[in-house]
Amino acid sequence: MYNHPPVFKKNNLVLEIFEWCQSQVMTTGMGDIIGLNGMFVLEMMKLHGEEGNLSLFQRIMHYANSLFAEERRIRGDKKHPGDRVQHPRKK
């Protein structure tokens, strides 16, 4: 689905679990990707014997969000539901 950037050896498990989870995404009503389904990621971690490893979960989610953000940047999307809303300055 995505061209993966180089990964350090210590993050091989991150990439392995992400490969299994990359199709399990949450989307907006218009089909824009918000992020990975965290519950599915947790189930895959359990199958790999890494249940309760919060650091691994955070690295998987960060890796996925980085890829999704790069995809939005390449497509030229201006806004994303997960991005912060910039309020205009009051004069």
N, C-alpha and C. Protein backbone atom coordinates (compact mmCIF):
# COMPACT_ATOMS: atom_id res chain seq x y z
N MET A 1 0.82 -1.19 0.00
CA MET A 1 0.00 0.00 0.00
C MET A 1 0.87 1.25 0.00
N TYR A 2 1.95 1.26 0.76
CA TYR A 2 2.82 2.42 0.86
C TYR A 2 4.27 2.03 0.60
N ASN A 3 5.05 2.97 0.13
CA ASN A 3 6.50 2.77 0.05
C ASN A 3 7.06 3.12 1.41
N HIS A 4 7.66 2.15 2.06
CA HIS A 4 8.13 2.35 3.42
C HIS A 4 9.52 2.98 3.44
N PRO A 5 9.73 3.94 4.35
CA PRO A 5 11.07 4.47 4.53
C PRO A 5 11.96 3.44 5.22
N PRO A 6 13.28 3.63 5.19
CA PRO A 6 14.17 2.68 5.90
C PRO A 6 13.81 2.60 7.38
N VAL A 7 13.96 1.42 7.95
CA VAL A 7 13.59 1.19 9.35
C VAL A 7 14.80 0.62 10.08
N PHE A 8 15.07 1.12 11.29
CA PHE A 8 16.14 0.58 12.12
C PHE A 8 15.81 -0.86 12.52
N LYS A 9 16.85 -1.67 12.77
CA LYS A 9 16.63 -3.07 13.14
C LYS A 9 15.73 -3.22 14.36
N LYS A 10 15.86 -2.30 15.32
CA LYS A 10 15.06 -2.43 16.53
C LYS A 10 13.57 -2.20 16.25
N ASN A 11 13.25 -1.63 15.09
CA ASN A 11 11.86 -1.38 14.74
C ASN A 11 11.30 -2.36 13.72
N ASN A 12 11.98 -3.50 13.52
CA ASN A 12 11.47 -4.49 12.58
C ASN A 12 10.09 -5.00 12.98
N LEU A 13 9.85 -5.14 14.28
CA LEU A 13 8.55 -5.60 14.75
C LEU A 13 7.48 -4.56 14.45
N VAL A 14 7.83 -3.28 14.54
CA VAL A 14 6.89 -2.20 14.20
C VAL A 14 6.43 -2.38 12.76
N LEU A 15 7.38 -2.56 11.87
CA LEU A 15 7.05 -2.70 10.46
C LEU A 15 6.27 -3.99 10.20
N GLU A 16 6.65 -5.07 10.87
CA GLU A 16 5.94 -6.34 10.68
C GLU A 16 4.48 -6.24 11.09
N ILE A 17 4.22 -5.65 12.25
CA ILE A 17 2.84 -5.50 12.71
C ILE A 17 2.09 -4.51 11.83
N PHE A 18 2.77 -3.42 11.44
CA PHE A 18 2.11 -2.45 10.56
C PHE A 18 1.69 -3.10 9.24
N GLU A 19 2.52 -3.99 8.70
CA GLU A 19 2.18 -4.68 7.45
C GLU A 19 0.86 -5.43 7.59
N TRP A 20 0.63 -6.03 8.74
CA TRP A 20 -0.62 -6.75 8.97
C TRP A 20 -1.80 -5.81 9.17
N CYS A 21 -1.53 -4.61 9.68
CA CYS A 21 -2.61 -3.69 10.08
C CYS A 21 -2.90 -2.58 9.07
N GLN A 22 -2.09 -2.44 8.04
CA GLN A 22 -2.18 -1.25 7.20
C GLN A 22 -3.52 -1.09 6.48
N SER A 23 -4.27 -2.15 6.32
CA SER A 23 -5.57 -2.02 5.65
C SER A 23 -6.70 -1.73 6.64
N GLN A 24 -6.39 -1.76 7.94
CA GLN A 24 -7.41 -1.54 8.97
C GLN A 24 -7.37 -0.09 9.42
N VAL A 25 -7.93 0.78 8.59
CA VAL A 25 -7.87 2.21 8.87
C VAL A 25 -9.25 2.76 9.22
N MET A 26 -9.25 3.87 9.91
CA MET A 26 -10.48 4.62 10.17
C MET A 26 -10.53 5.75 9.16
N THR A 27 -11.73 5.98 8.62
CA THR A 27 -11.86 7.02 7.60
C THR A 27 -12.97 8.00 7.96
N THR A 28 -12.93 9.15 7.30
CA THR A 28 -14.01 10.12 7.44
C THR A 28 -15.14 9.71 6.51
N GLY A 29 -16.23 10.43 6.54
CA GLY A 29 -17.35 10.15 5.66
C GLY A 29 -16.99 10.28 4.19
N MET A 30 -16.00 11.10 3.87
CA MET A 30 -15.58 11.31 2.49
C MET A 30 -14.44 10.37 2.09
N GLY A 31 -14.03 9.48 2.98
CA GLY A 31 -13.02 8.50 2.65
C GLY A 31 -11.59 8.88 2.98
N ASP A 32 -11.38 10.03 3.61
CA ASP A 32 -10.03 10.42 4.01
C ASP A 32 -9.59 9.57 5.20
N ILE A 33 -8.34 9.15 5.19
CA ILE A 33 -7.82 8.31 6.26
C ILE A 33 -7.52 9.16 7.50
N ILE A 34 -8.08 8.74 8.62
CA ILE A 34 -7.80 9.40 9.90
C ILE A 34 -6.61 8.73 10.57
N GLY A 35 -6.57 7.43 10.59
CA GLY A 35 -5.48 6.69 11.21
C GLY A 35 -5.79 5.21 11.28
N LEU A 36 -4.88 4.47 11.88
CA LEU A 36 -5.07 3.03 12.05
C LEU A 36 -6.12 2.76 13.13
N ASN A 37 -6.77 1.61 13.01
CA ASN A 37 -7.68 1.14 14.03
C ASN A 37 -6.84 0.59 15.19
N GLY A 38 -6.79 1.33 16.28
CA GLY A 38 -5.95 0.97 17.42
C GLY A 38 -6.30 -0.38 18.03
N MET A 39 -7.59 -0.74 18.02
CA MET A 39 -7.99 -2.02 18.59
C MET A 39 -7.42 -3.18 17.78
N PHE A 40 -7.39 -3.03 16.47
CA PHE A 40 -6.82 -4.08 15.63
C PHE A 40 -5.31 -4.19 15.87
N VAL A 41 -4.65 -3.05 16.02
CA VAL A 41 -3.21 -3.05 16.30
C VAL A 41 -2.94 -3.79 17.61
N LEU A 42 -3.74 -3.52 18.63
CA LEU A 42 -3.57 -4.19 19.92
C LEU A 42 -3.76 -5.71 19.79
N GLU A 43 -4.73 -6.13 18.99
CA GLU A 43 -4.95 -7.56 18.78
C GLU A 43 -3.76 -8.20 18.07
N MET A 44 -3.20 -7.52 17.09
CA MET A 44 -2.04 -8.05 16.38
C MET A 44 -0.82 -8.11 17.31
N MET A 45 -0.69 -7.13 18.20
CA MET A 45 0.40 -7.16 19.17
C MET A 45 0.24 -8.36 20.10
N LYS A 46 -1.00 -8.65 20.48
CA LYS A 46 -1.26 -9.80 21.35
C LYS A 46 -0.85 -11.10 20.65
N LEU A 47 -1.16 -11.21 19.35
CA LEU A 47 -0.79 -12.41 18.60
C LEU A 47 0.73 -12.56 18.47
N HIS A 48 1.45 -11.43 18.51
CA HIS A 48 2.91 -11.47 18.44
C HIS A 48 3.56 -11.58 19.82
N GLY A 49 2.74 -11.74 20.88
CA GLY A 49 3.27 -11.88 22.23
C GLY A 49 3.76 -10.58 22.83
N GLU A 50 3.25 -9.45 22.35
CA GLU A 50 3.69 -8.14 22.84
C GLU A 50 2.55 -7.39 23.54
N GLU A 51 1.63 -8.13 24.14
CA GLU A 51 0.50 -7.51 24.81
C GLU A 51 0.97 -6.60 25.94
N GLY A 52 0.44 -5.40 26.00
CA GLY A 52 0.78 -4.46 27.06
C GLY A 52 2.03 -3.64 26.80
N ASN A 53 2.65 -3.78 25.63
CA ASN A 53 3.87 -3.02 25.31
C ASN A 53 3.45 -1.67 24.73
N LEU A 54 3.28 -0.68 25.60
CA LEU A 54 2.80 0.64 25.20
C LEU A 54 3.77 1.32 24.24
N SER A 55 5.06 1.16 24.47
CA SER A 55 6.07 1.77 23.60
C SER A 55 5.93 1.26 22.17
N LEU A 56 5.74 -0.03 22.01
CA LEU A 56 5.57 -0.61 20.67
C LEU A 56 4.31 -0.07 20.01
N PHE A 57 3.22 0.00 20.77
CA PHE A 57 1.96 0.53 20.24
C PHE A 57 2.15 1.96 19.75
N GLN A 58 2.81 2.78 20.54
CA GLN A 58 3.03 4.18 20.15
C GLN A 58 3.90 4.28 18.91
N ARG A 59 4.92 3.44 18.79
CA ARG A 59 5.79 3.47 17.61
C ARG A 59 5.04 3.05 16.35
N ILE A 60 4.17 2.05 16.47
CA ILE A 60 3.37 1.61 15.32
C ILE A 60 2.45 2.73 14.88
N MET A 61 1.76 3.34 15.82
CA MET A 61 0.82 4.41 15.48
C MET A 61 1.56 5.63 14.91
N HIS A 62 2.71 5.96 15.47
CA HIS A 62 3.50 7.08 14.96
C HIS A 62 3.97 6.80 13.54
N TYR A 63 4.44 5.58 13.29
CA TYR A 63 4.88 5.20 11.95
C TYR A 63 3.74 5.33 10.96
N ALA A 64 2.56 4.81 11.32
CA ALA A 64 1.39 4.88 10.44
C ALA A 64 0.99 6.33 10.19
N ASN A 65 0.92 7.13 11.24
CA ASN A 65 0.52 8.53 11.09
C ASN A 65 1.51 9.30 10.23
N SER A 66 2.79 8.97 10.33
CA SER A 66 3.79 9.62 9.48
C SER A 66 3.56 9.28 8.01
N LEU A 67 3.26 8.03 7.73
CA LEU A 67 2.98 7.63 6.34
C LEU A 67 1.72 8.29 5.81
N PHE A 68 0.66 8.33 6.64
CA PHE A 68 -0.59 8.95 6.21
C PHE A 68 -0.40 10.45 5.98
N ALA A 69 0.38 11.10 6.84
CA ALA A 69 0.65 12.54 6.67
C ALA A 69 1.43 12.79 5.39
N GLU A 70 2.38 11.92 5.09
CA GLU A 70 3.16 12.06 3.86
C GLU A 70 2.25 11.88 2.64
N GLU A 71 1.34 10.94 2.71
CA GLU A 71 0.40 10.73 1.61
C GLU A 71 -0.47 11.97 1.39
N ARG A 72 -0.96 12.57 2.51
CA ARG A 72 -1.76 13.80 2.38
C ARG A 72 -0.94 14.92 1.78
N ARG A 73 0.33 15.02 2.18
CA ARG A 73 1.19 16.08 1.65
C ARG A 73 1.40 15.89 0.14
N ILE A 74 1.62 14.67 -0.28
CA ILE A 74 1.83 14.40 -1.70
C ILE A 74 0.57 14.70 -2.51
N ARG A 75 -0.58 14.35 -1.96
CA ARG A 75 -1.84 14.62 -2.67
C ARG A 75 -2.19 16.09 -2.67
N GLY A 76 -1.57 16.85 -1.78
CA GLY A 76 -1.83 18.28 -1.70
C GLY A 76 -3.05 18.64 -0.89
N ASP A 77 -3.48 17.76 0.01
CA ASP A 77 -4.63 18.06 0.86
C ASP A 77 -4.29 19.24 1.76
N LYS A 78 -5.23 20.16 1.87
CA LYS A 78 -5.01 21.36 2.69
C LYS A 78 -5.34 21.12 4.15
N LYS A 79 -6.41 20.37 4.42
CA LYS A 79 -6.84 20.17 5.80
C LYS A 79 -7.04 18.69 6.05
N HIS A 80 -6.99 18.34 7.31
CA HIS A 80 -7.20 16.95 7.72
C HIS A 80 -7.90 16.97 9.06
N PRO A 81 -8.84 16.05 9.30
CA PRO A 81 -9.56 16.05 10.58
C PRO A 81 -8.67 15.96 11.80
N GLY A 82 -7.51 15.34 11.67
CA GLY A 82 -6.62 15.21 12.82
C GLY A 82 -5.71 16.41 13.04
N ASP A 83 -5.64 17.29 12.05
CA ASP A 83 -4.79 18.47 12.17
C ASP A 83 -5.44 19.50 13.09
N ARG A 84 -4.61 20.32 13.71
CA ARG A 84 -5.13 21.36 14.57
C ARG A 84 -5.77 22.46 13.75
N VAL A 85 -6.85 22.98 14.28
CA VAL A 85 -7.52 24.10 13.60
C VAL A 85 -6.80 25.38 13.98
N GLN A 86 -6.44 26.15 12.97
CA GLN A 86 -5.77 27.44 13.21
C GLN A 86 -6.83 28.53 13.21
N HIS A 87 -7.03 29.14 14.36
CA HIS A 87 -8.01 30.20 14.48
C HIS A 87 -7.39 31.52 14.04
N PRO A 88 -8.15 32.33 13.30
CA PRO A 88 -7.60 33.63 12.90
C PRO A 88 -7.37 34.51 14.12
N ARG A 89 -6.38 35.34 14.03
CA ARG A 89 -6.09 36.25 15.14
C ARG A 89 -7.17 37.33 15.24
N LYS A 90 -7.52 37.63 16.46
CA LYS A 90 -8.49 38.71 16.68
C LYS A 90 -7.74 40.03 16.62
N LYS A 91 -8.32 40.98 15.93
CA LYS A 91 -7.66 42.30 15.82
C LYS A 91 -8.15 43.24 16.88
